[in-house]
Amino acid sequence: MGRAEDVFNRTADEARDIGVSVADTVARTADAAVDITQRVAEQGREVIWLGVRAAAGVNGRLADVSYGRSHHVLGQTARALEIYRKTGESTAENMQALFTSWMSFGRGMQEMQHAWLELLDHATGNGARKPQDVLRCKSVDEAAEIQRDLWFDAVNHAMEASTRMLQIAGRVSQEAMRPLQNRTQIARV
């Protein structure tokens, strides 16, 4: 057992020595990093000061020209922004009128679509029942009467549907035009 203990103790000692060595290396590396960081910071400060001194030494005449040019560009930019602001203000109400008009038109188109679907549903419902009636006919006269009724229903339904759709379209057009007409009248005044 003595030999195993000796090997264990030597291994522990070597591991401790390696740990101490690694700790020393890490400490020296950290010190070196801090030292390098401080040097880089000092050199950075020196470069900045050189730049500041160089900028301060710029010829006064050059600075005056640059200031005058910058002032001129800023003035032009301010005038351009004022033009854009006035343009936005003067067209804001017209844009609102256009938006309102198209919103009305969109709602009207949805209403027309809904009405069209209702009319289509009505037409398909009637069209589905009548052919069954024709099959139950006992005479040619009866079949002709059912076909006549079918025709009258189809024509009357087409008339009603067309009238309803045109009424909706007319109302939608009037509602969509109203905001635009109001803005046009205001612009003329």
N, C-alpha and C. Protein backbone atom coordinates (compact mmCIF):
# COMPACT_ATOMS: atom_id res chain seq x y z
N MET A 1 0.80 -1.18 0.00
CA MET A 1 0.00 0.00 0.00
C MET A 1 0.84 1.25 0.00
N GLY A 2 2.04 1.15 0.55
CA GLY A 2 2.92 2.30 0.68
C GLY A 2 3.27 2.89 -0.67
N ARG A 3 3.42 2.01 -1.59
CA ARG A 3 3.79 2.49 -2.92
C ARG A 3 2.63 3.24 -3.56
N ALA A 4 1.43 2.77 -3.41
CA ALA A 4 0.25 3.43 -3.96
C ALA A 4 0.06 4.79 -3.32
N GLU A 5 0.33 4.85 -2.02
CA GLU A 5 0.22 6.14 -1.32
C GLU A 5 1.23 7.13 -1.84
N ASP A 6 2.43 6.67 -2.10
CA ASP A 6 3.49 7.54 -2.63
C ASP A 6 3.09 8.09 -4.01
N VAL A 7 2.55 7.21 -4.85
CA VAL A 7 2.13 7.63 -6.20
C VAL A 7 1.00 8.65 -6.07
N PHE A 8 0.06 8.36 -5.17
CA PHE A 8 -1.07 9.28 -4.97
C PHE A 8 -0.58 10.64 -4.49
N ASN A 9 0.34 10.64 -3.51
CA ASN A 9 0.87 11.90 -2.97
C ASN A 9 1.65 12.67 -4.02
N ARG A 10 2.47 11.96 -4.81
CA ARG A 10 3.22 12.66 -5.86
C ARG A 10 2.28 13.24 -6.90
N THR A 11 1.24 12.49 -7.26
CA THR A 11 0.26 12.98 -8.24
C THR A 11 -0.47 14.19 -7.70
N ALA A 12 -0.82 14.15 -6.43
CA ALA A 12 -1.51 15.29 -5.81
C ALA A 12 -0.60 16.50 -5.78
N ASP A 13 0.68 16.28 -5.45
CA ASP A 13 1.64 17.39 -5.42
C ASP A 13 1.82 17.99 -6.81
N GLU A 14 1.95 17.11 -7.82
CA GLU A 14 2.12 17.60 -9.19
C GLU A 14 0.88 18.36 -9.64
N ALA A 15 -0.30 17.85 -9.30
CA ALA A 15 -1.54 18.53 -9.66
C ALA A 15 -1.62 19.90 -9.00
N ARG A 16 -1.21 19.97 -7.72
CA ARG A 16 -1.20 21.24 -7.00
C ARG A 16 -0.23 22.21 -7.68
N ASP A 17 0.96 21.70 -8.05
CA ASP A 17 1.96 22.53 -8.72
C ASP A 17 1.43 23.05 -10.07
N ILE A 18 0.76 22.16 -10.79
CA ILE A 18 0.18 22.57 -12.09
C ILE A 18 -0.90 23.63 -11.85
N GLY A 19 -1.74 23.43 -10.84
CA GLY A 19 -2.78 24.42 -10.52
C GLY A 19 -2.19 25.76 -10.17
N VAL A 20 -1.11 25.75 -9.36
CA VAL A 20 -0.45 27.01 -8.98
C VAL A 20 0.14 27.66 -10.22
N SER A 21 0.74 26.85 -11.09
CA SER A 21 1.34 27.38 -12.31
C SER A 21 0.28 27.99 -13.22
N VAL A 22 -0.83 27.30 -13.38
CA VAL A 22 -1.93 27.82 -14.21
C VAL A 22 -2.47 29.11 -13.61
N ALA A 23 -2.63 29.15 -12.28
CA ALA A 23 -3.14 30.36 -11.62
C ALA A 23 -2.18 31.52 -11.83
N ASP A 24 -0.87 31.24 -11.72
CA ASP A 24 0.12 32.29 -11.96
C ASP A 24 0.05 32.79 -13.39
N THR A 25 -0.10 31.86 -14.34
CA THR A 25 -0.18 32.24 -15.76
C THR A 25 -1.42 33.09 -16.03
N VAL A 26 -2.53 32.69 -15.46
CA VAL A 26 -3.78 33.46 -15.63
C VAL A 26 -3.63 34.84 -15.03
N ALA A 27 -3.02 34.94 -13.87
CA ALA A 27 -2.83 36.24 -13.23
C ALA A 27 -1.92 37.12 -14.07
N ARG A 28 -0.84 36.55 -14.59
CA ARG A 28 0.07 37.34 -15.44
C ARG A 28 -0.61 37.76 -16.72
N THR A 29 -1.44 36.86 -17.30
CA THR A 29 -2.18 37.20 -18.53
C THR A 29 -3.16 38.33 -18.26
N ALA A 30 -3.85 38.28 -17.14
CA ALA A 30 -4.80 39.33 -16.78
C ALA A 30 -4.07 40.65 -16.58
N ASP A 31 -2.93 40.61 -15.90
CA ASP A 31 -2.14 41.84 -15.70
C ASP A 31 -1.68 42.40 -17.04
N ALA A 32 -1.24 41.51 -17.94
CA ALA A 32 -0.79 41.95 -19.27
C ALA A 32 -1.96 42.56 -20.05
N ALA A 33 -3.14 41.95 -19.96
CA ALA A 33 -4.32 42.47 -20.66
C ALA A 33 -4.69 43.85 -20.14
N VAL A 34 -4.65 44.02 -18.83
CA VAL A 34 -4.96 45.33 -18.24
C VAL A 34 -3.95 46.35 -18.71
N ASP A 35 -2.67 45.96 -18.72
CA ASP A 35 -1.61 46.86 -19.14
C ASP A 35 -1.78 47.26 -20.61
N ILE A 36 -2.08 46.28 -21.47
CA ILE A 36 -2.29 46.56 -22.91
C ILE A 36 -3.50 47.45 -23.10
N THR A 37 -4.58 47.18 -22.37
CA THR A 37 -5.80 47.99 -22.48
C THR A 37 -5.51 49.43 -22.09
N GLN A 38 -4.75 49.63 -21.03
CA GLN A 38 -4.41 50.99 -20.61
C GLN A 38 -3.56 51.69 -21.67
N ARG A 39 -2.62 50.96 -22.26
CA ARG A 39 -1.79 51.56 -23.32
C ARG A 39 -2.62 51.94 -24.54
N VAL A 40 -3.54 51.06 -24.94
CA VAL A 40 -4.41 51.33 -26.09
C VAL A 40 -5.28 52.56 -25.80
N ALA A 41 -5.81 52.64 -24.60
CA ALA A 41 -6.64 53.79 -24.23
C ALA A 41 -5.83 55.07 -24.27
N GLU A 42 -4.60 55.02 -23.75
CA GLU A 42 -3.75 56.22 -23.77
C GLU A 42 -3.43 56.62 -25.21
N GLN A 43 -3.13 55.64 -26.05
CA GLN A 43 -2.82 55.96 -27.45
C GLN A 43 -4.06 56.50 -28.16
N GLY A 44 -5.22 55.96 -27.83
CA GLY A 44 -6.47 56.47 -28.40
C GLY A 44 -6.70 57.92 -28.01
N ARG A 45 -6.45 58.23 -26.74
CA ARG A 45 -6.59 59.62 -26.28
C ARG A 45 -5.63 60.54 -27.03
N GLU A 46 -4.40 60.05 -27.23
CA GLU A 46 -3.42 60.86 -27.93
C GLU A 46 -3.86 61.11 -29.37
N VAL A 47 -4.39 60.10 -30.03
CA VAL A 47 -4.88 60.27 -31.41
C VAL A 47 -6.02 61.26 -31.46
N ILE A 48 -6.94 61.17 -30.49
CA ILE A 48 -8.06 62.12 -30.45
C ILE A 48 -7.54 63.53 -30.25
N TRP A 49 -6.61 63.70 -29.34
CA TRP A 49 -6.06 65.04 -29.10
C TRP A 49 -5.35 65.57 -30.34
N LEU A 50 -4.66 64.69 -31.06
CA LEU A 50 -4.02 65.13 -32.30
C LEU A 50 -5.07 65.61 -33.29
N GLY A 51 -6.17 64.88 -33.40
CA GLY A 51 -7.26 65.28 -34.30
C GLY A 51 -7.87 66.60 -33.88
N VAL A 52 -8.08 66.77 -32.58
CA VAL A 52 -8.65 68.02 -32.07
C VAL A 52 -7.71 69.18 -32.36
N ARG A 53 -6.43 68.97 -32.11
CA ARG A 53 -5.46 70.04 -32.37
C ARG A 53 -5.41 70.38 -33.86
N ALA A 54 -5.47 69.33 -34.70
CA ALA A 54 -5.45 69.59 -36.15
C ALA A 54 -6.69 70.34 -36.58
N ALA A 55 -7.85 69.96 -36.04
CA ALA A 55 -9.08 70.66 -36.38
C ALA A 55 -9.05 72.09 -35.89
N ALA A 56 -8.47 72.30 -34.72
CA ALA A 56 -8.38 73.66 -34.19
C ALA A 56 -7.45 74.52 -35.01
N GLY A 57 -6.49 73.90 -35.66
CA GLY A 57 -5.54 74.66 -36.44
C GLY A 57 -5.99 74.94 -37.86
N VAL A 58 -7.24 74.58 -38.20
CA VAL A 58 -7.75 74.82 -39.55
C VAL A 58 -7.79 76.32 -39.82
N ASN A 59 -7.50 76.65 -41.00
CA ASN A 59 -7.48 78.06 -41.41
C ASN A 59 -8.85 78.70 -41.15
N GLY A 60 -8.88 79.85 -40.57
CA GLY A 60 -10.13 80.55 -40.24
C GLY A 60 -10.97 80.83 -41.47
N ARG A 61 -10.31 81.17 -42.58
CA ARG A 61 -11.03 81.48 -43.81
C ARG A 61 -11.80 80.25 -44.30
N LEU A 62 -11.14 79.08 -44.24
CA LEU A 62 -11.79 77.83 -44.65
C LEU A 62 -13.00 77.55 -43.76
N ALA A 63 -12.86 77.80 -42.48
CA ALA A 63 -13.97 77.59 -41.55
C ALA A 63 -15.12 78.52 -41.87
N ASP A 64 -14.83 79.77 -42.23
CA ASP A 64 -15.89 80.73 -42.57
C ASP A 64 -16.64 80.29 -43.83
N VAL A 65 -15.89 79.81 -44.85
CA VAL A 65 -16.52 79.35 -46.09
C VAL A 65 -17.41 78.15 -45.79
N SER A 66 -16.90 77.20 -45.01
CA SER A 66 -17.66 76.02 -44.66
C SER A 66 -18.92 76.40 -43.88
N TYR A 67 -18.79 77.33 -42.95
CA TYR A 67 -19.94 77.76 -42.16
C TYR A 67 -20.98 78.42 -43.06
N GLY A 68 -20.51 79.28 -43.97
CA GLY A 68 -21.44 79.96 -44.88
C GLY A 68 -22.18 78.99 -45.76
N ARG A 69 -21.46 78.01 -46.29
CA ARG A 69 -22.08 77.00 -47.15
C ARG A 69 -23.09 76.16 -46.36
N SER A 70 -22.71 75.74 -45.17
CA SER A 70 -23.61 74.97 -44.32
C SER A 70 -24.86 75.77 -43.97
N HIS A 71 -24.67 77.03 -43.67
CA HIS A 71 -25.81 77.91 -43.34
C HIS A 71 -26.75 78.02 -44.53
N HIS A 72 -26.18 78.16 -45.73
CA HIS A 72 -26.98 78.26 -46.95
C HIS A 72 -27.78 76.97 -47.19
N VAL A 73 -27.12 75.81 -47.03
CA VAL A 73 -27.79 74.52 -47.23
C VAL A 73 -28.89 74.33 -46.19
N LEU A 74 -28.63 74.70 -44.95
CA LEU A 74 -29.66 74.58 -43.91
C LEU A 74 -30.85 75.48 -44.22
N GLY A 75 -30.58 76.68 -44.73
CA GLY A 75 -31.68 77.58 -45.11
C GLY A 75 -32.53 77.00 -46.21
N GLN A 76 -31.88 76.43 -47.23
CA GLN A 76 -32.63 75.81 -48.32
C GLN A 76 -33.45 74.62 -47.82
N THR A 77 -32.86 73.83 -46.96
CA THR A 77 -33.58 72.68 -46.41
C THR A 77 -34.79 73.13 -45.61
N ALA A 78 -34.63 74.17 -44.82
CA ALA A 78 -35.76 74.68 -44.03
C ALA A 78 -36.87 75.17 -44.95
N ARG A 79 -36.51 75.87 -46.04
CA ARG A 79 -37.54 76.35 -46.98
C ARG A 79 -38.24 75.18 -47.67
N ALA A 80 -37.48 74.15 -48.05
CA ALA A 80 -38.08 72.97 -48.69
C ALA A 80 -39.03 72.27 -47.73
N LEU A 81 -38.64 72.12 -46.47
CA LEU A 81 -39.52 71.50 -45.48
C LEU A 81 -40.79 72.32 -45.28
N GLU A 82 -40.66 73.63 -45.32
CA GLU A 82 -41.84 74.49 -45.19
C GLU A 82 -42.79 74.30 -46.37
N ILE A 83 -42.24 74.15 -47.57
CA ILE A 83 -43.07 73.89 -48.76
C ILE A 83 -43.81 72.57 -48.59
N TYR A 84 -43.09 71.53 -48.15
CA TYR A 84 -43.73 70.23 -47.96
C TYR A 84 -44.80 70.29 -46.87
N ARG A 85 -44.54 71.01 -45.80
CA ARG A 85 -45.52 71.14 -44.72
C ARG A 85 -46.79 71.81 -45.23
N LYS A 86 -46.62 72.94 -45.95
CA LYS A 86 -47.79 73.66 -46.48
C LYS A 86 -48.56 72.80 -47.47
N THR A 87 -47.84 72.06 -48.30
CA THR A 87 -48.49 71.19 -49.27
C THR A 87 -49.30 70.11 -48.55
N GLY A 88 -48.72 69.51 -47.52
CA GLY A 88 -49.43 68.50 -46.74
C GLY A 88 -50.67 69.07 -46.09
N GLU A 89 -50.55 70.27 -45.51
CA GLU A 89 -51.70 70.89 -44.85
C GLU A 89 -52.79 71.23 -45.86
N SER A 90 -52.39 71.75 -47.03
CA SER A 90 -53.41 72.18 -47.99
C SER A 90 -54.09 71.00 -48.69
N THR A 91 -53.46 69.85 -48.72
CA THR A 91 -54.09 68.70 -49.38
C THR A 91 -54.66 67.69 -48.39
N ALA A 92 -54.49 67.91 -47.12
CA ALA A 92 -54.95 66.94 -46.12
C ALA A 92 -56.47 66.72 -46.20
N GLU A 93 -57.22 67.79 -46.34
CA GLU A 93 -58.68 67.64 -46.40
C GLU A 93 -59.11 66.95 -47.69
N ASN A 94 -58.42 67.24 -48.79
CA ASN A 94 -58.74 66.55 -50.04
C ASN A 94 -58.43 65.05 -49.93
N MET A 95 -57.33 64.73 -49.29
CA MET A 95 -56.99 63.33 -49.10
C MET A 95 -58.04 62.65 -48.21
N GLN A 96 -58.51 63.35 -47.20
CA GLN A 96 -59.56 62.81 -46.33
C GLN A 96 -60.84 62.58 -47.14
N ALA A 97 -61.17 63.53 -48.03
CA ALA A 97 -62.37 63.38 -48.86
C ALA A 97 -62.22 62.17 -49.79
N LEU A 98 -61.05 62.01 -50.40
CA LEU A 98 -60.82 60.85 -51.26
C LEU A 98 -60.96 59.55 -50.47
N PHE A 99 -60.36 59.52 -49.31
CA PHE A 99 -60.43 58.32 -48.47
C PHE A 99 -61.88 58.01 -48.12
N THR A 100 -62.64 59.02 -47.68
CA THR A 100 -64.04 58.82 -47.32
C THR A 100 -64.84 58.33 -48.52
N SER A 101 -64.55 58.92 -49.69
CA SER A 101 -65.26 58.53 -50.91
C SER A 101 -65.01 57.06 -51.24
N TRP A 102 -63.76 56.64 -51.19
CA TRP A 102 -63.45 55.25 -51.51
C TRP A 102 -63.97 54.29 -50.46
N MET A 103 -64.02 54.73 -49.21
CA MET A 103 -64.61 53.88 -48.17
C MET A 103 -66.09 53.67 -48.45
N SER A 104 -66.80 54.75 -48.81
CA SER A 104 -68.22 54.64 -49.15
C SER A 104 -68.41 53.72 -50.35
N PHE A 105 -67.57 53.89 -51.33
CA PHE A 105 -67.65 53.06 -52.53
C PHE A 105 -67.42 51.59 -52.18
N GLY A 106 -66.43 51.32 -51.34
CA GLY A 106 -66.15 49.94 -50.94
C GLY A 106 -67.31 49.31 -50.19
N ARG A 107 -67.90 50.09 -49.25
CA ARG A 107 -69.07 49.56 -48.53
C ARG A 107 -70.22 49.31 -49.50
N GLY A 108 -70.41 50.21 -50.45
CA GLY A 108 -71.47 50.03 -51.44
C GLY A 108 -71.26 48.79 -52.30
N MET A 109 -70.01 48.54 -52.67
CA MET A 109 -69.72 47.36 -53.47
C MET A 109 -70.01 46.08 -52.67
N GLN A 110 -69.73 46.12 -51.38
CA GLN A 110 -70.05 44.97 -50.54
C GLN A 110 -71.57 44.78 -50.47
N GLU A 111 -72.29 45.88 -50.37
CA GLU A 111 -73.75 45.81 -50.32
C GLU A 111 -74.29 45.24 -51.63
N MET A 112 -73.73 45.67 -52.75
CA MET A 112 -74.17 45.15 -54.05
C MET A 112 -73.87 43.66 -54.17
N GLN A 113 -72.72 43.26 -53.68
CA GLN A 113 -72.36 41.84 -53.72
C GLN A 113 -73.35 41.03 -52.88
N HIS A 114 -73.68 41.53 -51.71
CA HIS A 114 -74.63 40.84 -50.84
C HIS A 114 -76.00 40.73 -51.53
N ALA A 115 -76.46 41.84 -52.13
CA ALA A 115 -77.75 41.82 -52.81
C ALA A 115 -77.72 40.84 -53.99
N TRP A 116 -76.64 40.82 -54.73
CA TRP A 116 -76.53 39.93 -55.87
C TRP A 116 -76.60 38.47 -55.41
N LEU A 117 -75.92 38.16 -54.29
CA LEU A 117 -75.96 36.79 -53.78
C LEU A 117 -77.37 36.41 -53.33
N GLU A 118 -78.09 37.35 -52.72
CA GLU A 118 -79.48 37.07 -52.33
C GLU A 118 -80.35 36.80 -53.56
N LEU A 119 -80.15 37.61 -54.60
CA LEU A 119 -80.93 37.44 -55.83
C LEU A 119 -80.59 36.10 -56.50
N LEU A 120 -79.34 35.74 -56.49
CA LEU A 120 -78.92 34.48 -57.07
C LEU A 120 -79.52 33.30 -56.29
N ASP A 121 -79.53 33.43 -54.96
CA ASP A 121 -80.12 32.38 -54.12
C ASP A 121 -81.60 32.23 -54.43
N HIS A 122 -82.30 33.35 -54.59
CA HIS A 122 -83.74 33.32 -54.91
C HIS A 122 -83.96 32.66 -56.27
N ALA A 123 -83.14 33.03 -57.24
CA ALA A 123 -83.31 32.48 -58.59
C ALA A 123 -83.03 30.98 -58.62
N THR A 124 -82.00 30.54 -57.94
CA THR A 124 -81.71 29.11 -57.95
C THR A 124 -82.76 28.32 -57.18
N GLY A 125 -83.32 28.93 -56.12
CA GLY A 125 -84.38 28.25 -55.37
C GLY A 125 -85.61 28.03 -56.22
N ASN A 126 -86.02 29.07 -56.96
CA ASN A 126 -87.19 28.94 -57.82
C ASN A 126 -86.90 28.01 -59.00
N GLY A 127 -85.72 28.11 -59.55
CA GLY A 127 -85.37 27.28 -60.70
C GLY A 127 -85.27 25.80 -60.34
N ALA A 128 -85.00 25.50 -59.10
CA ALA A 128 -84.88 24.11 -58.69
C ALA A 128 -86.24 23.44 -58.50
N ARG A 129 -87.25 24.22 -58.11
CA ARG A 129 -88.58 23.63 -57.84
C ARG A 129 -89.39 23.42 -59.11
N LYS A 130 -89.32 24.35 -60.03
CA LYS A 130 -90.19 24.29 -61.21
C LYS A 130 -89.94 23.08 -62.11
N PRO A 131 -88.71 22.67 -62.37
CA PRO A 131 -88.54 21.49 -63.23
C PRO A 131 -89.21 20.24 -62.65
N GLN A 132 -89.27 20.13 -61.35
CA GLN A 132 -89.96 18.99 -60.75
C GLN A 132 -91.45 19.05 -61.06
N ASP A 133 -91.98 20.29 -61.08
CA ASP A 133 -93.41 20.45 -61.42
C ASP A 133 -93.67 20.01 -62.86
N VAL A 134 -92.73 20.29 -63.75
CA VAL A 134 -92.91 19.90 -65.15
C VAL A 134 -92.95 18.37 -65.27
N LEU A 135 -92.14 17.70 -64.47
CA LEU A 135 -92.13 16.23 -64.53
C LEU A 135 -93.44 15.62 -64.03
N ARG A 136 -94.16 16.32 -63.21
CA ARG A 136 -95.43 15.82 -62.68
C ARG A 136 -96.63 16.14 -63.57
N CYS A 137 -96.38 16.86 -64.64
CA CYS A 137 -97.49 17.26 -65.54
C CYS A 137 -98.15 16.03 -66.17
N LYS A 138 -99.45 16.17 -66.37
CA LYS A 138 -100.21 15.08 -66.96
C LYS A 138 -100.61 15.41 -68.40
N SER A 139 -100.37 16.68 -68.78
CA SER A 139 -100.72 17.06 -70.15
C SER A 139 -99.73 18.09 -70.67
N VAL A 140 -99.78 18.27 -71.99
CA VAL A 140 -98.91 19.25 -72.63
C VAL A 140 -99.33 20.66 -72.20
N ASP A 141 -100.62 20.89 -72.05
CA ASP A 141 -101.10 22.20 -71.62
C ASP A 141 -100.55 22.56 -70.24
N GLU A 142 -100.58 21.59 -69.36
CA GLU A 142 -100.05 21.81 -68.01
C GLU A 142 -98.57 22.15 -68.06
N ALA A 143 -97.82 21.42 -68.88
CA ALA A 143 -96.37 21.67 -69.02
C ALA A 143 -96.14 23.06 -69.59
N ALA A 144 -96.93 23.47 -70.56
CA ALA A 144 -96.79 24.80 -71.17
C ALA A 144 -97.09 25.89 -70.14
N GLU A 145 -98.11 25.67 -69.30
CA GLU A 145 -98.43 26.66 -68.26
C GLU A 145 -97.29 26.78 -67.24
N ILE A 146 -96.72 25.68 -66.87
CA ILE A 146 -95.60 25.72 -65.91
C ILE A 146 -94.39 26.42 -66.54
N GLN A 147 -94.13 26.11 -67.82
CA GLN A 147 -93.02 26.79 -68.50
C GLN A 147 -93.31 28.29 -68.64
N ARG A 148 -94.56 28.64 -68.91
CA ARG A 148 -94.94 30.05 -68.97
C ARG A 148 -94.68 30.72 -67.63
N ASP A 149 -95.13 30.07 -66.55
CA ASP A 149 -94.90 30.63 -65.21
C ASP A 149 -93.41 30.78 -64.90
N LEU A 150 -92.68 29.75 -65.33
CA LEU A 150 -91.22 29.82 -65.15
C LEU A 150 -90.64 31.04 -65.88
N TRP A 151 -91.08 31.24 -67.12
CA TRP A 151 -90.58 32.36 -67.92
C TRP A 151 -90.97 33.69 -67.28
N PHE A 152 -92.24 33.83 -66.89
CA PHE A 152 -92.68 35.08 -66.25
C PHE A 152 -91.90 35.34 -64.97
N ASP A 153 -91.71 34.30 -64.16
CA ASP A 153 -90.95 34.46 -62.92
C ASP A 153 -89.50 34.90 -63.20
N ALA A 154 -88.91 34.29 -64.22
CA ALA A 154 -87.52 34.62 -64.56
C ALA A 154 -87.40 36.07 -65.04
N VAL A 155 -88.33 36.48 -65.90
CA VAL A 155 -88.28 37.86 -66.42
C VAL A 155 -88.58 38.85 -65.30
N ASN A 156 -89.60 38.58 -64.49
CA ASN A 156 -89.94 39.48 -63.38
C ASN A 156 -88.78 39.57 -62.39
N HIS A 157 -88.18 38.43 -62.11
CA HIS A 157 -87.05 38.42 -61.18
C HIS A 157 -85.88 39.21 -61.76
N ALA A 158 -85.63 39.06 -63.04
CA ALA A 158 -84.54 39.82 -63.69
C ALA A 158 -84.83 41.32 -63.61
N MET A 159 -86.09 41.69 -63.81
CA MET A 159 -86.47 43.11 -63.70
C MET A 159 -86.26 43.62 -62.28
N GLU A 160 -86.74 42.88 -61.31
CA GLU A 160 -86.59 43.29 -59.91
C GLU A 160 -85.10 43.35 -59.53
N ALA A 161 -84.35 42.34 -59.94
CA ALA A 161 -82.93 42.29 -59.60
C ALA A 161 -82.18 43.47 -60.24
N SER A 162 -82.48 43.74 -61.51
CA SER A 162 -81.82 44.85 -62.19
C SER A 162 -82.17 46.18 -61.53
N THR A 163 -83.44 46.34 -61.20
CA THR A 163 -83.88 47.58 -60.54
C THR A 163 -83.17 47.74 -59.20
N ARG A 164 -83.14 46.68 -58.42
CA ARG A 164 -82.50 46.75 -57.10
C ARG A 164 -81.01 47.06 -57.23
N MET A 165 -80.33 46.37 -58.14
CA MET A 165 -78.89 46.59 -58.31
C MET A 165 -78.60 48.01 -58.79
N LEU A 166 -79.41 48.52 -59.71
CA LEU A 166 -79.19 49.88 -60.21
C LEU A 166 -79.50 50.92 -59.12
N GLN A 167 -80.51 50.66 -58.30
CA GLN A 167 -80.80 51.57 -57.19
C GLN A 167 -79.62 51.61 -56.21
N ILE A 168 -79.10 50.46 -55.89
CA ILE A 168 -77.95 50.42 -54.97
C ILE A 168 -76.76 51.12 -55.61
N ALA A 169 -76.52 50.85 -56.91
CA ALA A 169 -75.38 51.48 -57.60
C ALA A 169 -75.53 53.00 -57.62
N GLY A 170 -76.76 53.48 -57.87
CA GLY A 170 -76.98 54.93 -57.89
C GLY A 170 -76.75 55.55 -56.52
N ARG A 171 -77.27 54.90 -55.48
CA ARG A 171 -77.08 55.42 -54.12
C ARG A 171 -75.61 55.40 -53.73
N VAL A 172 -74.92 54.31 -54.07
CA VAL A 172 -73.49 54.19 -53.76
C VAL A 172 -72.71 55.29 -54.47
N SER A 173 -73.03 55.52 -55.74
CA SER A 173 -72.35 56.58 -56.50
C SER A 173 -72.56 57.94 -55.85
N GLN A 174 -73.79 58.22 -55.44
CA GLN A 174 -74.09 59.50 -54.80
C GLN A 174 -73.33 59.65 -53.48
N GLU A 175 -73.33 58.59 -52.68
CA GLU A 175 -72.62 58.65 -51.40
C GLU A 175 -71.12 58.80 -51.58
N ALA A 176 -70.58 58.12 -52.59
CA ALA A 176 -69.13 58.19 -52.84
C ALA A 176 -68.74 59.56 -53.40
N MET A 177 -69.62 60.19 -54.17
CA MET A 177 -69.30 61.50 -54.75
C MET A 177 -69.45 62.64 -53.75
N ARG A 178 -70.32 62.48 -52.78
CA ARG A 178 -70.64 63.57 -51.85
C ARG A 178 -69.39 64.21 -51.22
N PRO A 179 -68.45 63.45 -50.63
CA PRO A 179 -67.27 64.09 -50.03
C PRO A 179 -66.41 64.83 -51.06
N LEU A 180 -66.35 64.29 -52.27
CA LEU A 180 -65.55 64.94 -53.32
C LEU A 180 -66.22 66.22 -53.79
N GLN A 181 -67.55 66.19 -53.94
CA GLN A 181 -68.27 67.40 -54.35
C GLN A 181 -68.17 68.48 -53.28
N ASN A 182 -68.26 68.10 -52.02
CA ASN A 182 -68.13 69.08 -50.94
C ASN A 182 -66.77 69.76 -50.99
N ARG A 183 -65.69 68.99 -51.21
CA ARG A 183 -64.34 69.56 -51.28
C ARG A 183 -64.19 70.44 -52.50
N THR A 184 -64.81 70.04 -53.63
CA THR A 184 -64.72 70.84 -54.85
C THR A 184 -65.42 72.18 -54.66
N GLN A 185 -66.58 72.16 -53.98
CA GLN A 185 -67.30 73.41 -53.73
C GLN A 185 -66.52 74.31 -52.80
N ILE A 186 -65.87 73.75 -51.80
CA ILE A 186 -65.07 74.54 -50.86
C ILE A 186 -63.87 75.14 -51.58
N ALA A 187 -63.27 74.37 -52.49
CA ALA A 187 -62.10 74.87 -53.22
C ALA A 187 -62.46 76.03 -54.12
N ARG A 188 -63.68 76.07 -54.66
CA ARG A 188 -64.10 77.17 -55.55
C ARG A 188 -64.34 78.45 -54.78
N VAL A 189 -64.73 78.31 -53.51
CA VAL A 189 -65.06 79.51 -52.70
C VAL A 189 -63.84 80.22 -52.31
